[in-house]
Amino acid sequence: MKKRIEFGWAQTDITPSLPAPLAGQFHTRISKGIMDPLTATALAIRAEDDSEQAILVSLDALWVADPTRDRVRALLAGALPGFDPAKLVIGATHTHAAPSQVSRYFDYPVHGVPGILTQEAYAEFLAQKIAAICAEAWAAKRLGAFSYGRAPAVVGHNRRAAYFSGESAMYGSTGRGDFSHVEGYEDHFLNALFTYDSENALTGMILNIACPSQVSENIDFISADYWHDVRREIRARRGQALFILPQCGAGGDQSPHIQVEQAAAERMQKLLGHGAAGTARLNEIALRVAGAVDALAPALARDIAYSAEFAHRTLSLTLPRYKITASDVEEYSKIAAAAETDLEKLEASGADKLSHDYSVAFRRASWYGRVEKNFKRQESRPDFTTESHVIRLGDVAFATNRFEMYLDYAMRIKCRSKAVQTFVVQLCGEGTYLPTARAMAGGSYGAIAPSIKAGPEGGRILVEETLRVLNSLFDNGQ
C-alpha cells in the first residue's frame, strides 16, 4: 500500500585533526595533510504512519568496519527513541586516503607513536559523528517526494587483464603480446534517486556508481577522492545546500584507472583542459557525473512520486567460506614465511616500524599467514554470517552487501529484480573481495585465498537470497 514518505538529511565532516594511518595499502601511510575533507552524509526515511523506516549513511572511507557499525547502533539505541538501530545502513565510498578503523583485516603498527591518531581513537570519533548526524537527519525529516533514474557517466573500468594462458592480473598490462581481453563487464550508468520537499524543491540525491573512489589511492594525504570533486561540481551548479549521498555500487573488479589506450586518454584529458596530471582524472569524473545529473534533473522533475510502497528488510545470511586447499596453504605459507624472515631482520636492525619496508613485511606476514590459520579451522567453521539490507521505495530497490563484489553478481541481481531500477550497494561492512568463478580461474589479487572470505558459491547464495527477499517485496503489493 502506498504511503506518504518523510525524508530528513544531515551531513558532517569526519576529517581527523591529527595525522592518521591511511587504510588501503600494504604499507603504512601516515597522513601528511589534507587534500580535501572527508564527509559523512545521512538520509532518514520514514513512512508517515510509522510502519517502516531506514537511515542510510555514506562515509568517505575504505569500508565500514563491523565494530564501527555496532558502536553507532549502540549509541542510537539510547539516543534515538522511535528508531530501530537494525534499520541503519552504513556504506563506504572506498577511498584509499581515509583513516583506518579497527577491524580484523588491518592492523597498522602505530600504537605508542606520539602525535598519531590510532585506529581505535578514529573509530570512536567516527562512531560519535555518525550517530550525531543520524539523530540530526531523523529530527529533520519532513513529508516529501522523490524521483529516480539513470544516465550514462563513464567512471569505472574493469581492472583485470586476461591472457592467453588463462591467467588474469589486477592492473595487468594490456600491452603484452599475450594479452587476450579485459576479463569482465563494466557498468557505465549513474543510478540516482532525488528527494524533494513539499514544494518540489530539490533537497538531496543518492548517487550510485559501480566504481570505488580510488583515483588517488597511493597518496599520503587525506582525501575523499573523486567524490569530493563530484560534490563540489554538482553544488556549484545546483546550490551549496544540496545534500549528496554517494554509494559505491558493485566494483570489486572495477577501478577509475583507465586500462585501455591510456596514452590516448591522457592526451584527451590535456586537450579538454582537465588540469594537471594529478587532478585531471578527478576533474574528468566530476564533470561526467555532474553532466549526468544535469541530464537527469529535468526528466526526474516530470515524474515525482508523492507516495510509495516502502519496505525494509534486514537479512542475516549464512554463507559458506571459501574452501582453502592444501596447495593454497603451501603457496601462501612460503610468502608469509619469507615476510616473517624479513620482519625479523628489520627488527634486529632497529628499523622504524612506520617505514615502508617494515610495514610491508608486517602486513605480508599477516595477510598471507592467515591462509594457513583459516585452513586449520575451516572444518569447524565452514560458514559465516553476514548482514545485508533490502529496501523497496516505490519502484526502486536497494540491495546492500559487505563485500567488494564483482560486477557480475550485481548484474544478476539487477537483471532478475522485479524493481524498475535496482541500486546495488557494496562495502556496507568489512569488504573482503567476492570474486566470480571466472576470476578465481584467472587468479591474482582479489581472486585468491588471502583476499577472500567467500567464493563463487557464497556469491551465488547471496544473489539468490537477495533476490528472494527483494522480489517478495514486489509480490502482492509487498
Protein backbone atom coordinates (compact mmCIF):
# COMPACT_ATOMS: atom_id res chain seq x y z
CA MET A 1 0.00 0.00 0.00
CA LYS A 2 1.30 3.45 -0.91
CA LYS A 3 2.12 5.86 1.90
CA ARG A 4 3.42 9.40 2.21
CA ILE A 5 7.14 9.39 2.98
CA GLU A 6 9.24 11.63 5.23
CA PHE A 7 12.83 12.45 4.34
CA GLY A 8 15.48 14.06 6.52
CA TRP A 9 19.07 14.92 5.61
CA ALA A 10 22.25 15.69 7.55
CA GLN A 11 25.97 15.90 6.81
CA THR A 12 29.14 16.21 8.87
CA ASP A 13 32.90 16.47 8.49
CA ILE A 14 34.79 13.32 9.54
CA THR A 15 38.30 14.59 8.77
CA PRO A 16 40.75 13.76 11.61
CA SER A 17 42.62 16.58 13.31
CA LEU A 18 45.80 14.53 13.79
CA PRO A 19 47.94 12.53 11.38
CA ALA A 20 46.47 9.06 11.00
CA PRO A 21 47.30 5.74 9.30
CA LEU A 22 45.51 5.61 5.96
CA ALA A 23 43.76 2.39 5.01
CA GLY A 24 44.00 0.56 1.74
CA GLN A 25 47.63 -0.31 1.00
CA PHE A 26 50.09 -2.90 2.29
CA HIS A 27 52.50 -0.30 3.63
CA THR A 28 51.75 2.15 6.42
CA ARG A 29 50.97 5.65 5.19
CA ILE A 30 50.70 8.35 7.84
CA SER A 31 48.71 11.33 6.54
CA LYS A 32 50.86 14.39 5.92
CA GLY A 33 48.00 16.81 5.48
CA ILE A 34 44.54 17.26 4.00
CA MET A 35 43.98 17.37 0.25
CA ASP A 36 40.21 17.65 0.74
CA PRO A 37 37.84 16.92 3.63
CA LEU A 38 36.10 13.64 4.40
CA THR A 39 32.32 13.66 4.71
CA ALA A 40 29.57 11.52 6.22
CA THR A 41 26.02 12.01 4.93
CA ALA A 42 22.78 10.59 6.35
CA LEU A 43 19.30 10.26 4.87
CA ALA A 44 16.46 9.32 7.21
CA ILE A 45 13.39 7.78 5.57
CA ARG A 46 10.14 7.08 7.41
CA ALA A 47 6.60 6.19 6.38
CA GLU A 48 4.11 8.80 7.58
CA ASP A 49 2.20 6.16 9.54
CA ASP A 50 5.47 4.95 11.16
CA SER A 51 5.09 1.50 9.61
CA GLU A 52 8.60 1.48 8.11
CA GLN A 53 11.91 3.30 8.45
CA ALA A 54 15.55 3.44 7.42
CA ILE A 55 18.60 5.61 7.88
CA LEU A 56 21.12 5.43 5.04
CA VAL A 57 24.62 6.71 5.78
CA SER A 58 27.55 7.14 3.43
CA LEU A 59 31.16 7.64 4.53
CA ASP A 60 34.28 8.72 2.73
CA ALA A 61 36.14 5.65 3.98
CA LEU A 62 37.70 2.43 2.74
CA TRP A 63 34.85 0.41 4.23
CA VAL A 64 32.64 0.29 7.31
CA ALA A 65 34.28 -1.83 9.98
CA ASP A 66 31.87 -4.05 11.89
CA PRO A 67 32.88 -2.54 15.28
CA THR A 68 32.18 0.95 13.92
CA ARG A 69 28.68 -0.05 12.79
CA ASP A 70 27.96 -1.83 16.07
CA ARG A 71 29.15 1.16 18.11
CA VAL A 72 26.88 3.53 16.17
CA ARG A 73 23.91 1.26 16.74
CA ALA A 74 24.65 1.12 20.46
CA LEU A 75 24.78 4.93 20.59
CA LEU A 76 21.49 5.23 18.68
CA ALA A 77 19.72 2.68 20.86
CA GLY A 78 19.90 5.07 23.79
CA ALA A 79 19.69 8.38 21.98
CA LEU A 80 17.08 7.97 19.25
CA PRO A 81 13.74 6.70 20.57
CA GLY A 82 11.45 5.50 17.83
CA PHE A 83 14.23 4.32 15.57
CA ASP A 84 15.24 0.66 15.27
CA PRO A 85 19.08 0.54 15.06
CA ALA A 86 18.81 -2.61 12.94
CA LYS A 87 17.40 -0.37 10.19
CA LEU A 88 20.66 1.60 10.00
CA VAL A 89 22.63 1.03 6.79
CA ILE A 90 26.18 2.42 6.57
CA GLY A 91 28.18 2.22 3.34
CA ALA A 92 31.59 3.49 2.27
CA THR A 93 32.94 5.01 -0.93
CA HIS A 94 36.25 3.07 -0.76
CA THR A 95 38.64 5.97 -0.79
CA HIS A 96 42.18 4.79 -0.05
CA ALA A 97 43.00 8.12 1.60
CA ALA A 98 40.90 7.95 4.77
CA PRO A 99 41.98 6.75 8.22
CA SER A 100 41.91 3.09 9.09
CA GLN A 101 39.24 1.84 11.50
CA VAL A 102 39.55 -1.03 13.95
CA SER A 103 38.89 -4.25 12.02
CA ARG A 104 40.07 -7.82 11.79
CA TYR A 105 41.81 -7.18 8.47
CA PHE A 106 44.01 -4.15 9.05
CA ASP A 107 46.47 -3.53 11.87
CA TYR A 108 48.94 -0.76 11.17
CA PRO A 109 51.77 -0.70 13.77
CA VAL A 110 51.28 2.84 15.12
CA HIS A 111 50.46 2.23 18.79
CA GLY A 112 52.70 4.16 21.12
CA VAL A 113 53.86 6.55 18.41
CA PRO A 114 53.23 10.09 19.74
CA GLY A 115 51.12 12.50 17.73
CA ILE A 116 49.45 9.85 15.58
CA LEU A 117 45.75 9.04 15.80
CA THR A 118 45.21 5.36 16.49
CA GLN A 119 42.61 3.26 14.70
CA GLU A 120 40.71 2.93 17.99
CA ALA A 121 40.59 6.70 18.51
CA TYR A 122 39.42 7.39 14.95
CA ALA A 123 36.80 4.65 15.11
CA GLU A 124 35.27 6.19 18.24
CA PHE A 125 35.41 9.70 16.74
CA LEU A 126 33.72 8.34 13.62
CA ALA A 127 31.01 6.50 15.54
CA GLN A 128 30.12 9.59 17.54
CA LYS A 129 29.94 11.69 14.36
CA ILE A 130 27.75 9.17 12.55
CA ALA A 131 25.39 8.80 15.49
CA ALA A 132 25.04 12.59 15.68
CA ILE A 133 24.08 13.01 12.00
CA CYS A 134 21.66 10.08 12.24
CA ALA A 135 19.89 11.89 15.06
CA GLU A 136 20.02 15.17 13.12
CA ALA A 137 18.60 13.58 9.96
CA TRP A 138 15.88 11.83 11.97
CA ALA A 139 14.87 15.11 13.60
CA ALA A 140 14.91 16.91 10.23
CA LYS A 141 12.57 14.54 8.38
CA ARG A 142 9.52 16.11 6.75
CA LEU A 143 6.94 14.92 4.26
CA GLY A 144 8.50 15.00 0.84
CA ALA A 145 8.72 13.28 -2.51
CA PHE A 146 11.24 11.53 -4.69
CA SER A 147 12.11 10.56 -8.22
CA TYR A 148 14.71 8.26 -9.71
CA GLY A 149 16.55 7.47 -12.91
CA ARG A 150 19.86 6.66 -14.51
CA ALA A 151 22.13 8.27 -17.07
CA PRO A 152 25.48 7.41 -18.69
CA ALA A 153 28.54 8.56 -16.74
CA VAL A 154 31.68 6.61 -17.55
CA VAL A 155 33.71 6.25 -14.36
CA GLY A 156 34.65 2.62 -13.73
CA HIS A 157 36.69 0.22 -15.84
CA ASN A 158 37.31 -3.47 -15.34
CA ARG A 159 40.82 -3.64 -13.91
CA ARG A 160 41.62 -7.29 -14.64
CA ALA A 161 43.59 -8.10 -17.78
CA ALA A 162 43.28 -11.68 -19.08
CA TYR A 163 45.96 -13.52 -21.03
CA PHE A 164 46.05 -16.43 -23.48
CA SER A 165 47.44 -18.66 -20.72
CA GLY A 166 44.13 -18.41 -18.85
CA GLU A 167 45.67 -16.26 -16.13
CA SER A 168 44.42 -12.81 -15.18
CA ALA A 169 46.07 -9.95 -13.31
CA MET A 170 44.66 -6.97 -11.49
CA TYR A 171 46.04 -3.91 -13.29
CA GLY A 172 47.83 -6.30 -15.62
CA SER A 173 49.48 -4.85 -18.70
CA THR A 174 47.22 -4.68 -21.75
CA GLY A 175 50.26 -4.06 -23.94
CA ARG A 176 51.74 -7.54 -23.58
CA GLY A 177 51.90 -9.80 -26.61
CA ASP A 178 49.86 -12.45 -24.81
CA PHE A 179 47.08 -10.05 -23.76
CA SER A 180 43.73 -11.60 -24.67
CA HIS A 181 40.92 -9.42 -23.28
CA VAL A 182 39.59 -7.46 -20.34
CA GLU A 183 38.14 -10.06 -18.00
CA GLY A 184 34.67 -8.75 -17.21
CA TYR A 185 31.81 -6.32 -17.64
CA GLU A 186 31.68 -2.59 -16.93
CA ASP A 187 28.64 -0.59 -15.78
CA HIS A 188 28.74 2.94 -17.17
CA PHE A 189 25.49 4.23 -15.68
CA LEU A 190 24.93 6.61 -12.79
CA ASN A 191 21.96 5.47 -10.69
CA ALA A 192 20.25 8.40 -8.97
CA LEU A 193 17.40 9.00 -6.54
CA PHE A 194 16.42 12.63 -5.92
CA THR A 195 14.41 13.88 -2.94
CA TYR A 196 12.19 16.96 -2.91
CA ASP A 197 10.45 18.98 -0.23
CA SER A 198 6.70 19.65 -0.08
CA GLU A 199 7.09 22.44 -2.65
CA ASN A 200 9.02 20.24 -5.11
CA ALA A 201 12.35 21.90 -4.41
CA LEU A 202 15.30 19.52 -4.77
CA THR A 203 16.78 18.72 -1.34
CA GLY A 204 19.23 15.90 -1.94
CA MET A 205 20.31 12.99 -4.05
CA ILE A 206 21.62 9.47 -3.74
CA LEU A 207 24.22 8.83 -6.43
CA ASN A 208 25.32 5.24 -7.04
CA ILE A 209 28.36 4.47 -9.20
CA ALA A 210 29.78 0.98 -9.78
CA CYS A 211 33.33 2.04 -9.06
CA PRO A 212 35.41 2.62 -5.90
CA SER A 213 36.79 6.12 -5.34
CA GLN A 214 40.48 5.40 -5.65
CA VAL A 215 41.95 7.67 -8.29
CA SER A 216 44.46 8.91 -5.71
CA GLU A 217 44.90 5.60 -3.94
CA ASN A 218 48.62 5.86 -3.13
CA ILE A 219 48.82 9.39 -1.74
CA ASP A 220 49.85 10.31 1.81
CA PHE A 221 47.14 12.93 2.25
CA ILE A 222 43.56 12.80 3.48
CA SER A 223 41.16 12.81 0.53
CA ALA A 224 37.60 11.81 -0.39
CA ASP A 225 38.97 11.16 -3.88
CA TYR A 226 36.62 11.77 -6.82
CA TRP A 227 33.53 12.16 -4.64
CA HIS A 228 34.89 15.45 -3.28
CA ASP A 229 35.21 16.79 -6.82
CA VAL A 230 31.79 15.42 -7.78
CA ARG A 231 30.09 17.11 -4.81
CA ARG A 232 31.87 20.38 -5.49
CA GLU A 233 30.91 20.41 -9.17
CA ILE A 234 27.26 19.49 -8.60
CA ARG A 235 26.84 22.05 -5.83
CA ALA A 236 28.47 24.75 -7.97
CA ARG A 237 25.67 24.13 -10.47
CA ARG A 238 22.74 23.37 -8.15
CA GLY A 239 23.38 25.08 -4.83
CA GLN A 240 25.70 24.62 -1.87
CA ALA A 241 22.91 23.43 0.42
CA LEU A 242 22.23 20.31 -1.65
CA PHE A 243 22.82 17.01 0.15
CA ILE A 244 24.69 14.32 -1.80
CA LEU A 245 24.88 10.73 -0.57
CA PRO A 246 27.35 8.66 -2.61
CA GLN A 247 27.06 4.90 -2.89
CA CYS A 248 29.68 2.50 -4.19
CA GLY A 249 27.96 0.05 -6.50
CA ALA A 250 29.41 -3.40 -7.11
CA GLY A 251 33.03 -2.71 -8.05
CA GLY A 252 35.32 -5.46 -6.75
CA ASP A 253 36.80 -5.83 -10.22
CA GLN A 254 36.36 -2.16 -11.20
CA SER A 255 38.62 0.87 -10.97
CA PRO A 256 38.59 4.51 -12.08
CA HIS A 257 42.04 3.90 -13.61
CA ILE A 258 41.88 3.64 -17.39
CA GLN A 259 43.21 0.28 -18.59
CA VAL A 260 42.86 0.52 -22.39
CA GLU A 261 44.60 3.13 -24.57
CA GLN A 262 45.98 5.00 -21.59
CA ALA A 263 48.09 7.33 -23.72
CA ALA A 264 45.06 8.36 -25.76
CA ALA A 265 43.10 9.01 -22.58
CA GLU A 266 45.87 11.19 -21.12
CA ARG A 267 46.15 13.14 -24.37
CA MET A 268 42.43 13.91 -24.38
CA GLN A 269 42.49 14.98 -20.73
CA LYS A 270 45.11 17.59 -21.68
CA LEU A 271 43.24 18.73 -24.79
CA LEU A 272 39.99 19.06 -22.86
CA GLY A 273 41.72 21.12 -20.17
CA HIS A 274 41.02 18.80 -17.26
CA GLY A 275 44.05 20.04 -15.34
CA ALA A 276 47.42 18.74 -14.18
CA ALA A 277 48.19 15.03 -14.28
CA GLY A 278 47.41 14.54 -10.59
CA THR A 279 43.93 16.09 -10.80
CA ALA A 280 42.89 15.60 -14.43
CA ARG A 281 41.14 12.29 -13.83
CA LEU A 282 39.33 13.66 -10.77
CA ASN A 283 38.09 16.64 -12.75
CA GLU A 284 37.07 14.46 -15.68
CA ILE A 285 34.95 12.21 -13.44
CA ALA A 286 33.37 15.19 -11.68
CA LEU A 287 32.34 16.74 -15.00
CA ARG A 288 30.88 13.47 -16.25
CA VAL A 289 28.83 12.81 -13.13
CA ALA A 290 27.63 16.41 -12.86
CA GLY A 291 26.70 16.27 -16.55
CA ALA A 292 24.67 13.12 -15.94
CA VAL A 293 22.88 14.84 -13.04
CA ASP A 294 22.11 17.79 -15.32
CA ALA A 295 20.61 15.42 -17.87
CA LEU A 296 18.52 13.67 -15.23
CA ALA A 297 17.20 16.69 -13.33
CA PRO A 298 14.53 17.97 -15.75
CA ALA A 299 13.37 14.45 -16.62
CA LEU A 300 13.04 13.34 -12.99
CA ALA A 301 11.16 16.53 -12.11
CA ARG A 302 8.42 15.39 -14.50
CA ASP A 303 7.81 12.13 -12.61
CA ILE A 304 7.89 12.88 -8.88
CA ALA A 305 6.30 10.36 -6.52
CA TYR A 306 4.46 11.82 -3.53
CA SER A 307 3.62 8.44 -2.01
CA ALA A 308 5.07 4.98 -2.39
CA GLU A 309 5.27 1.44 -1.12
CA PHE A 310 8.05 1.37 1.48
CA ALA A 311 9.54 -1.80 2.95
CA HIS A 312 12.87 -2.55 4.61
CA ARG A 313 14.23 -6.00 5.42
CA THR A 314 17.41 -6.69 7.37
CA LEU A 315 18.91 -10.03 6.36
CA SER A 316 21.31 -12.21 8.33
CA LEU A 317 22.73 -14.54 5.69
CA THR A 318 24.78 -17.67 6.27
CA LEU A 319 27.37 -18.09 3.53
CA PRO A 320 29.94 -20.85 3.03
CA ARG A 321 33.55 -19.85 3.49
CA TYR A 322 35.87 -20.26 0.56
CA LYS A 323 37.33 -23.75 0.85
CA ILE A 324 41.08 -23.30 1.22
CA THR A 325 43.13 -26.05 -0.40
CA ALA A 326 46.41 -27.67 0.64
CA SER A 327 48.06 -26.08 -2.40
CA ASP A 328 46.80 -22.66 -1.22
CA VAL A 329 48.48 -23.28 2.14
CA GLU A 330 51.73 -24.37 0.51
CA GLU A 331 51.87 -21.39 -1.82
CA TYR A 332 50.97 -18.62 0.61
CA SER A 333 52.76 -20.00 3.66
CA LYS A 334 56.03 -19.64 1.74
CA ILE A 335 55.30 -15.97 1.14
CA ALA A 336 54.32 -15.48 4.80
CA ALA A 337 57.49 -17.23 6.00
CA ALA A 338 59.66 -15.02 3.77
CA ALA A 339 57.90 -11.95 5.16
CA GLU A 340 58.47 -13.18 8.73
CA THR A 341 62.17 -13.56 7.96
CA ASP A 342 62.30 -10.03 6.56
CA LEU A 343 60.48 -8.78 9.64
CA GLU A 344 62.96 -10.43 11.99
CA LYS A 345 65.90 -8.89 10.13
CA LEU A 346 64.30 -5.46 10.20
CA GLU A 347 63.55 -5.70 13.91
CA ALA A 348 67.12 -6.80 14.62
CA SER A 349 68.42 -3.78 12.74
CA GLY A 350 66.16 -1.43 14.71
CA ALA A 351 64.10 -0.45 11.67
CA ASP A 352 61.40 2.16 12.11
CA LYS A 353 58.04 0.37 12.40
CA LEU A 354 56.46 3.07 10.29
CA SER A 355 58.95 2.61 7.45
CA HIS A 356 57.83 1.25 4.11
CA ASP A 357 59.90 -1.95 4.33
CA TYR A 358 58.85 -2.82 7.88
CA SER A 359 55.16 -2.18 7.35
CA VAL A 360 55.11 -4.15 4.09
CA ALA A 361 56.77 -7.14 5.79
CA PHE A 362 54.39 -6.82 8.73
CA ARG A 363 51.30 -6.78 6.51
CA ARG A 364 52.51 -9.55 4.19
CA ALA A 365 53.23 -11.84 7.12
CA SER A 366 49.72 -11.27 8.47
CA TRP A 367 47.92 -11.26 5.11
CA TYR A 368 49.42 -14.46 3.72
CA GLY A 369 49.85 -16.12 7.10
CA ARG A 370 46.14 -16.20 7.77
CA VAL A 371 45.63 -18.67 4.91
CA GLU A 372 47.16 -21.50 6.94
CA LYS A 373 45.32 -20.36 10.10
CA ASN A 374 41.99 -20.36 8.29
CA PHE A 375 42.76 -23.73 6.69
CA LYS A 376 43.26 -25.34 10.11
CA ARG A 377 39.90 -24.14 11.41
CA GLN A 378 37.71 -24.28 8.30
CA GLU A 379 36.27 -27.70 9.14
CA SER A 380 34.94 -26.38 12.46
CA ARG A 381 33.92 -23.04 10.90
CA PRO A 382 32.62 -23.87 7.41
CA ASP A 383 30.40 -20.82 7.11
CA PHE A 384 29.85 -17.31 8.44
CA THR A 385 27.01 -14.84 8.80
CA THR A 386 26.80 -11.51 7.06
CA GLU A 387 24.30 -8.67 7.17
CA SER A 388 22.52 -7.35 4.10
CA HIS A 389 19.61 -4.96 3.63
CA VAL A 390 16.88 -4.90 1.02
CA ILE A 391 14.72 -1.78 0.72
CA ARG A 392 11.79 -1.04 -1.55
CA LEU A 393 10.81 2.56 -2.17
CA GLY A 394 8.13 2.64 -4.84
CA ASP A 395 9.55 1.04 -7.98
CA VAL A 396 13.12 1.33 -6.69
CA ALA A 397 15.05 -1.31 -4.73
CA PHE A 398 18.28 -1.06 -2.75
CA ALA A 399 20.30 -4.23 -2.08
CA THR A 400 23.38 -3.99 0.14
CA ASN A 401 26.30 -6.27 0.92
CA ARG A 402 29.55 -6.11 2.87
CA PHE A 403 31.87 -7.21 0.07
CA GLU A 404 33.98 -5.79 -2.71
CA MET A 405 31.54 -7.54 -5.01
CA TYR A 406 32.49 -8.37 -8.57
CA LEU A 407 30.16 -6.70 -11.02
CA ASP A 408 28.74 -9.94 -12.46
CA TYR A 409 26.86 -10.57 -9.21
CA ALA A 410 25.21 -7.16 -9.35
CA MET A 411 24.17 -7.79 -12.94
CA ARG A 412 22.43 -10.99 -11.85
CA ILE A 413 20.54 -9.06 -9.18
CA LYS A 414 19.64 -6.12 -11.42
CA CYS A 415 18.50 -8.24 -14.35
CA ARG A 416 16.29 -10.52 -12.25
CA SER A 417 14.95 -7.86 -9.89
CA LYS A 418 11.25 -7.01 -10.10
CA ALA A 419 12.08 -3.38 -9.32
CA VAL A 420 12.17 -0.96 -12.23
CA GLN A 421 15.60 0.17 -11.02
CA THR A 422 17.87 -1.56 -8.51
CA PHE A 423 20.71 0.08 -6.60
CA VAL A 424 23.31 -2.49 -5.52
CA VAL A 425 25.43 -1.07 -2.69
CA GLN A 426 28.68 -2.73 -1.64
CA LEU A 427 31.06 -2.11 1.28
CA CYS A 428 28.34 -1.92 3.93
CA GLY A 429 30.76 -3.80 6.16
CA GLU A 430 34.36 -5.03 6.15
CA GLY A 431 34.87 -5.59 2.48
CA THR A 432 36.68 -8.76 1.54
CA TYR A 433 36.50 -9.48 -2.17
CA LEU A 434 33.69 -11.57 -3.64
CA PRO A 435 35.11 -12.88 -6.94
CA THR A 436 33.44 -14.85 -9.71
CA ALA A 437 34.40 -18.36 -10.82
CA ARG A 438 35.92 -16.77 -13.93
CA ALA A 439 38.14 -14.56 -11.78
CA MET A 440 39.14 -17.41 -9.47
CA ALA A 441 40.28 -19.39 -12.50
CA GLY A 442 42.40 -16.44 -13.60
CA GLY A 443 43.89 -15.84 -10.14
CA SER A 444 45.69 -12.68 -8.98
CA TYR A 445 44.92 -10.31 -6.08
CA GLY A 446 41.22 -10.07 -5.32
CA ALA A 447 40.59 -13.63 -6.50
CA ILE A 448 42.95 -15.73 -4.36
CA ALA A 449 42.68 -17.30 -0.90
CA PRO A 450 44.28 -14.43 1.10
CA SER A 451 41.89 -11.87 -0.48
CA ILE A 452 38.55 -13.53 0.12
CA LYS A 453 36.21 -14.89 2.75
CA ALA A 454 33.51 -16.22 0.41
CA GLY A 455 33.97 -17.50 -3.12
CA PRO A 456 31.64 -18.07 -6.08
CA GLU A 457 29.42 -20.47 -4.11
CA GLY A 458 28.85 -17.81 -1.46
CA GLY A 459 28.25 -15.23 -4.17
CA ARG A 460 25.56 -17.38 -5.75
CA ILE A 461 23.78 -17.81 -2.40
CA LEU A 462 24.00 -14.09 -1.68
CA VAL A 463 22.44 -13.28 -5.06
CA GLU A 464 19.64 -15.84 -4.67
CA GLU A 465 18.74 -14.81 -1.12
CA THR A 466 18.83 -11.12 -2.01
CA LEU A 467 16.52 -11.72 -4.97
CA ARG A 468 14.18 -13.92 -2.96
CA VAL A 469 13.60 -11.18 -0.39
CA LEU A 470 13.72 -8.29 -2.84
CA ASN A 471 11.20 -9.78 -5.24
CA SER A 472 8.90 -10.78 -2.41
CA LEU A 473 8.52 -7.06 -1.62
CA PHE A 474 7.03 -6.58 -5.09
CA ASP A 475 4.59 -9.50 -4.85
CA ASN A 476 1.02 -8.77 -3.87
CA GLY A 477 1.75 -5.14 -3.08
CA GLN A 478 4.61 -6.33 -0.77
